[in-house]
């Protein structure tokens, strides 16, 4: 499998990106299996596949952040309420941690916006 370029990945839709990530993870699993059974011809393929997964995850995260930045304050607060409500319903510790991190990021975005509003509203000192 040939390493993917970030420009090629960015040109993909979210669905294509998710499918590519799934295929790359499958390929990585096969490579790891071959490595364990001593049938892997090019060990560098594992590193390339891991990097491809990392590139895809990075681009996916960038897109998520762009979508969050596009929300207004009220929508962001609503999203935060939804995430906090989902935390109570989760039972798997790793999912709870992930949801709490997401809530903390949303709260951070809200604080950042509030601070920006205060600095704009404050009169300039001479």
C-alpha atoms as a PDB file:
ATOM      1  CA  UNK A   1       0.000   0.000   0.000  1.00  0.00           C
ATOM      2  CA  UNK A   2       1.352   3.391  -1.012  1.00  0.00           C
ATOM      3  CA  UNK A   3       1.603   6.130   1.672  1.00  0.00           C
ATOM      4  CA  UNK A   4      -1.138   8.712   1.343  1.00  0.00           C
ATOM      5  CA  UNK A   5      -0.461  12.406   0.952  1.00  0.00           C
ATOM      6  CA  UNK A   6      -2.301  14.880   3.171  1.00  0.00           C
ATOM      7  CA  UNK A   7      -3.546  16.807   0.119  1.00  0.00           C
ATOM      8  CA  UNK A   8      -5.170  13.643  -1.238  1.00  0.00           C
ATOM      9  CA  UNK A   9      -6.781  12.931   2.131  1.00  0.00           C
ATOM     10  CA  UNK A  10      -8.068  16.502   2.480  1.00  0.00           C
ATOM     11  CA  UNK A  11      -9.775  16.239  -0.899  1.00  0.00           C
ATOM     12  CA  UNK A  12     -11.826  13.264   0.345  1.00  0.00           C
ATOM     13  CA  UNK A  13     -15.282  13.585   1.879  1.00  0.00           C
ATOM     14  CA  UNK A  14     -15.862  12.642   5.525  1.00  0.00           C
ATOM     15  CA  UNK A  15     -17.381   9.301   4.469  1.00  0.00           C
ATOM     16  CA  UNK A  16     -14.467   8.492   2.156  1.00  0.00           C
ATOM     17  CA  UNK A  17     -12.026   9.433   4.887  1.00  0.00           C
ATOM     18  CA  UNK A  18     -13.764   7.147   7.393  1.00  0.00           C
ATOM     19  CA  UNK A  19     -13.735   4.285   4.886  1.00  0.00           C
ATOM     20  CA  UNK A  20     -10.064   4.853   4.102  1.00  0.00           C
ATOM     21  CA  UNK A  21      -9.272   4.861   7.832  1.00  0.00           C
ATOM     22  CA  UNK A  22     -11.131   1.582   8.284  1.00  0.00           C
ATOM     23  CA  UNK A  23      -9.295  -0.016   5.346  1.00  0.00           C
ATOM     24  CA  UNK A  24      -5.932   1.251   6.576  1.00  0.00           C
ATOM     25  CA  UNK A  25      -6.554  -0.146  10.059  1.00  0.00           C
ATOM     26  CA  UNK A  26      -7.475  -3.522   8.516  1.00  0.00           C
ATOM     27  CA  UNK A  27      -4.291  -3.417   6.460  1.00  0.00           C
ATOM     28  CA  UNK A  28      -2.272  -2.560   9.577  1.00  0.00           C
ATOM     29  CA  UNK A  29      -3.829  -5.519  11.399  1.00  0.00           C
ATOM     30  CA  UNK A  30      -2.830  -7.818   8.526  1.00  0.00           C
ATOM     31  CA  UNK A  31       0.702  -6.421   8.538  1.00  0.00           C
ATOM     32  CA  UNK A  32       1.002  -6.951  12.291  1.00  0.00           C
ATOM     33  CA  UNK A  33      -0.271 -10.499  11.873  1.00  0.00           C
ATOM     34  CA  UNK A  34       2.272 -11.173   9.128  1.00  0.00           C
ATOM     35  CA  UNK A  35       4.983  -9.682  11.309  1.00  0.00           C
ATOM     36  CA  UNK A  36       4.056 -11.991  14.172  1.00  0.00           C
ATOM     37  CA  UNK A  37       4.202 -15.039  11.900  1.00  0.00           C
ATOM     38  CA  UNK A  38       7.521 -13.949  10.327  1.00  0.00           C
ATOM     39  CA  UNK A  39       6.061 -13.566   6.820  1.00  0.00           C
ATOM     40  CA  UNK A  40       6.374  -9.792   6.505  1.00  0.00           C
ATOM     41  CA  UNK A  41       8.731  -8.841   3.664  1.00  0.00           C
ATOM     42  CA  UNK A  42       8.907  -5.085   4.286  1.00  0.00           C
ATOM     43  CA  UNK A  43       8.727  -4.077   7.959  1.00  0.00           C
ATOM     44  CA  UNK A  44       8.563  -0.400   7.003  1.00  0.00           C
ATOM     45  CA  UNK A  45       4.996  -0.996   5.772  1.00  0.00           C
ATOM     46  CA  UNK A  46       3.802  -1.105   9.395  1.00  0.00           C
ATOM     47  CA  UNK A  47       5.259   2.331  10.099  1.00  0.00           C
ATOM     48  CA  UNK A  48       3.747   3.734   6.887  1.00  0.00           C
ATOM     49  CA  UNK A  49       0.310   2.353   7.751  1.00  0.00           C
ATOM     50  CA  UNK A  50       0.494   3.824  11.272  1.00  0.00           C
ATOM     51  CA  UNK A  51       1.431   7.201   9.838  1.00  0.00           C
ATOM     52  CA  UNK A  52      -1.470   7.020   7.383  1.00  0.00           C
ATOM     53  CA  UNK A  53      -3.900   6.353  10.244  1.00  0.00           C
ATOM     54  CA  UNK A  54      -2.404   9.295  12.147  1.00  0.00           C
ATOM     55  CA  UNK A  55      -2.778  11.579   9.109  1.00  0.00           C
ATOM     56  CA  UNK A  56      -6.408  10.554   8.688  1.00  0.00           C
ATOM     57  CA  UNK A  57      -7.122  11.091  12.399  1.00  0.00           C
ATOM     58  CA  UNK A  58      -5.500  14.531  12.246  1.00  0.00           C
ATOM     59  CA  UNK A  59      -7.548  15.633   9.245  1.00  0.00           C
ATOM     60  CA  UNK A  60     -10.731  14.277  10.823  1.00  0.00           C
ATOM     61  CA  UNK A  61     -10.010  16.233  14.009  1.00  0.00           C
ATOM     62  CA  UNK A  62      -9.260  19.409  12.041  1.00  0.00           C
ATOM     63  CA  UNK A  63     -12.655  19.113  10.361  1.00  0.00           C
ATOM     64  CA  UNK A  64     -14.407  18.547  13.697  1.00  0.00           C
ATOM     65  CA  UNK A  65     -12.766  21.662  15.130  1.00  0.00           C
ATOM     66  CA  UNK A  66     -13.744  23.718  12.073  1.00  0.00           C
ATOM     67  CA  UNK A  67     -17.354  22.632  12.524  1.00  0.00           C
ATOM     68  CA  UNK A  68     -17.260  23.573  16.219  1.00  0.00           C
ATOM     69  CA  UNK A  69     -15.675  26.965  15.457  1.00  0.00           C
ATOM     70  CA  UNK A  70     -18.496  27.654  12.995  1.00  0.00           C
ATOM     71  CA  UNK A  71     -21.132  27.239  15.729  1.00  0.00           C
ATOM     72  CA  UNK A  72     -22.400  30.320  17.536  1.00  0.00           C
ATOM     73  CA  UNK A  73     -22.278  30.562  21.348  1.00  0.00           C
ATOM     74  CA  UNK A  74     -25.789  29.237  21.900  1.00  0.00           C
ATOM     75  CA  UNK A  75     -25.213  26.221  19.661  1.00  0.00           C
ATOM     76  CA  UNK A  76     -21.921  25.545  21.409  1.00  0.00           C
ATOM     77  CA  UNK A  77     -23.623  25.692  24.822  1.00  0.00           C
ATOM     78  CA  UNK A  78     -26.315  23.293  23.575  1.00  0.00           C
ATOM     79  CA  UNK A  79     -23.631  20.905  22.314  1.00  0.00           C
ATOM     80  CA  UNK A  80     -21.956  21.068  25.733  1.00  0.00           C
ATOM     81  CA  UNK A  81     -25.250  20.223  27.473  1.00  0.00           C
ATOM     82  CA  UNK A  82     -25.711  17.243  25.129  1.00  0.00           C
ATOM     83  CA  UNK A  83     -22.190  15.949  25.784  1.00  0.00           C
ATOM     84  CA  UNK A  84     -22.599  16.294  29.566  1.00  0.00           C
ATOM     85  CA  UNK A  85     -25.918  14.437  29.398  1.00  0.00           C
ATOM     86  CA  UNK A  86     -24.311  11.638  27.395  1.00  0.00           C
ATOM     87  CA  UNK A  87     -21.586  11.225  30.057  1.00  0.00           C
ATOM     88  CA  UNK A  88     -24.180  10.044  32.568  1.00  0.00           C
ATOM     89  CA  UNK A  89     -25.425   7.374  30.148  1.00  0.00           C
ATOM     90  CA  UNK A  90     -21.977   5.939  29.392  1.00  0.00           C
ATOM     91  CA  UNK A  91     -20.686   2.925  31.280  1.00  0.00           C
ATOM     92  CA  UNK A  92     -17.340   2.146  29.657  1.00  0.00           C
ATOM     93  CA  UNK A  93     -14.595   4.089  31.476  1.00  0.00           C
ATOM     94  CA  UNK A  94     -12.655   4.941  28.302  1.00  0.00           C
ATOM     95  CA  UNK A  95     -15.795   6.368  26.680  1.00  0.00           C
ATOM     96  CA  UNK A  96     -16.557   8.403  29.807  1.00  0.00           C
ATOM     97  CA  UNK A  97     -13.010   9.832  29.769  1.00  0.00           C
ATOM     98  CA  UNK A  98     -13.319  10.677  26.092  1.00  0.00           C
ATOM     99  CA  UNK A  99     -16.682  12.403  26.614  1.00  0.00           C
ATOM    100  CA  UNK A 100     -15.305  14.373  29.593  1.00  0.00           C
ATOM    101  CA  UNK A 101     -12.349  15.521  27.488  1.00  0.00           C
ATOM    102  CA  UNK A 102     -14.743  16.604  24.769  1.00  0.00           C
ATOM    103  CA  UNK A 103     -16.828  18.547  27.308  1.00  0.00           C
ATOM    104  CA  UNK A 104     -13.678  20.202  28.669  1.00  0.00           C
ATOM    105  CA  UNK A 105     -12.664  21.260  25.156  1.00  0.00           C
ATOM    106  CA  UNK A 106     -16.099  22.755  24.547  1.00  0.00           C
ATOM    107  CA  UNK A 107     -15.933  24.624  27.861  1.00  0.00           C
ATOM    108  CA  UNK A 108     -12.491  25.902  26.882  1.00  0.00           C
ATOM    109  CA  UNK A 109     -13.826  27.178  23.575  1.00  0.00           C
ATOM    110  CA  UNK A 110     -16.655  28.975  25.374  1.00  0.00           C
ATOM    111  CA  UNK A 111     -14.239  30.563  27.892  1.00  0.00           C
ATOM    112  CA  UNK A 112     -11.982  31.665  25.049  1.00  0.00           C
ATOM    113  CA  UNK A 113     -14.889  33.314  23.252  1.00  0.00           C
ATOM    114  CA  UNK A 114     -16.050  35.038  26.447  1.00  0.00           C
ATOM    115  CA  UNK A 115     -12.531  36.378  27.059  1.00  0.00           C
ATOM    116  CA  UNK A 116     -12.364  37.666  23.489  1.00  0.00           C
ATOM    117  CA  UNK A 117     -15.691  39.462  23.958  1.00  0.00           C
ATOM    118  CA  UNK A 118     -14.457  41.080  27.195  1.00  0.00           C
ATOM    119  CA  UNK A 119     -11.274  42.360  25.574  1.00  0.00           C
ATOM    120  CA  UNK A 120     -13.277  43.849  22.685  1.00  0.00           C
ATOM    121  CA  UNK A 121     -15.765  45.454  25.066  1.00  0.00           C
ATOM    122  CA  UNK A 122     -13.132  46.923  27.395  1.00  0.00           C
ATOM    123  CA  UNK A 123     -12.192  50.544  26.580  1.00  0.00           C
ATOM    124  CA  UNK A 124      -8.674  51.118  25.396  1.00  0.00           C
ATOM    125  CA  UNK A 125      -6.332  52.498  28.115  1.00  0.00           C
ATOM    126  CA  UNK A 126      -4.205  55.545  27.339  1.00  0.00           C
END
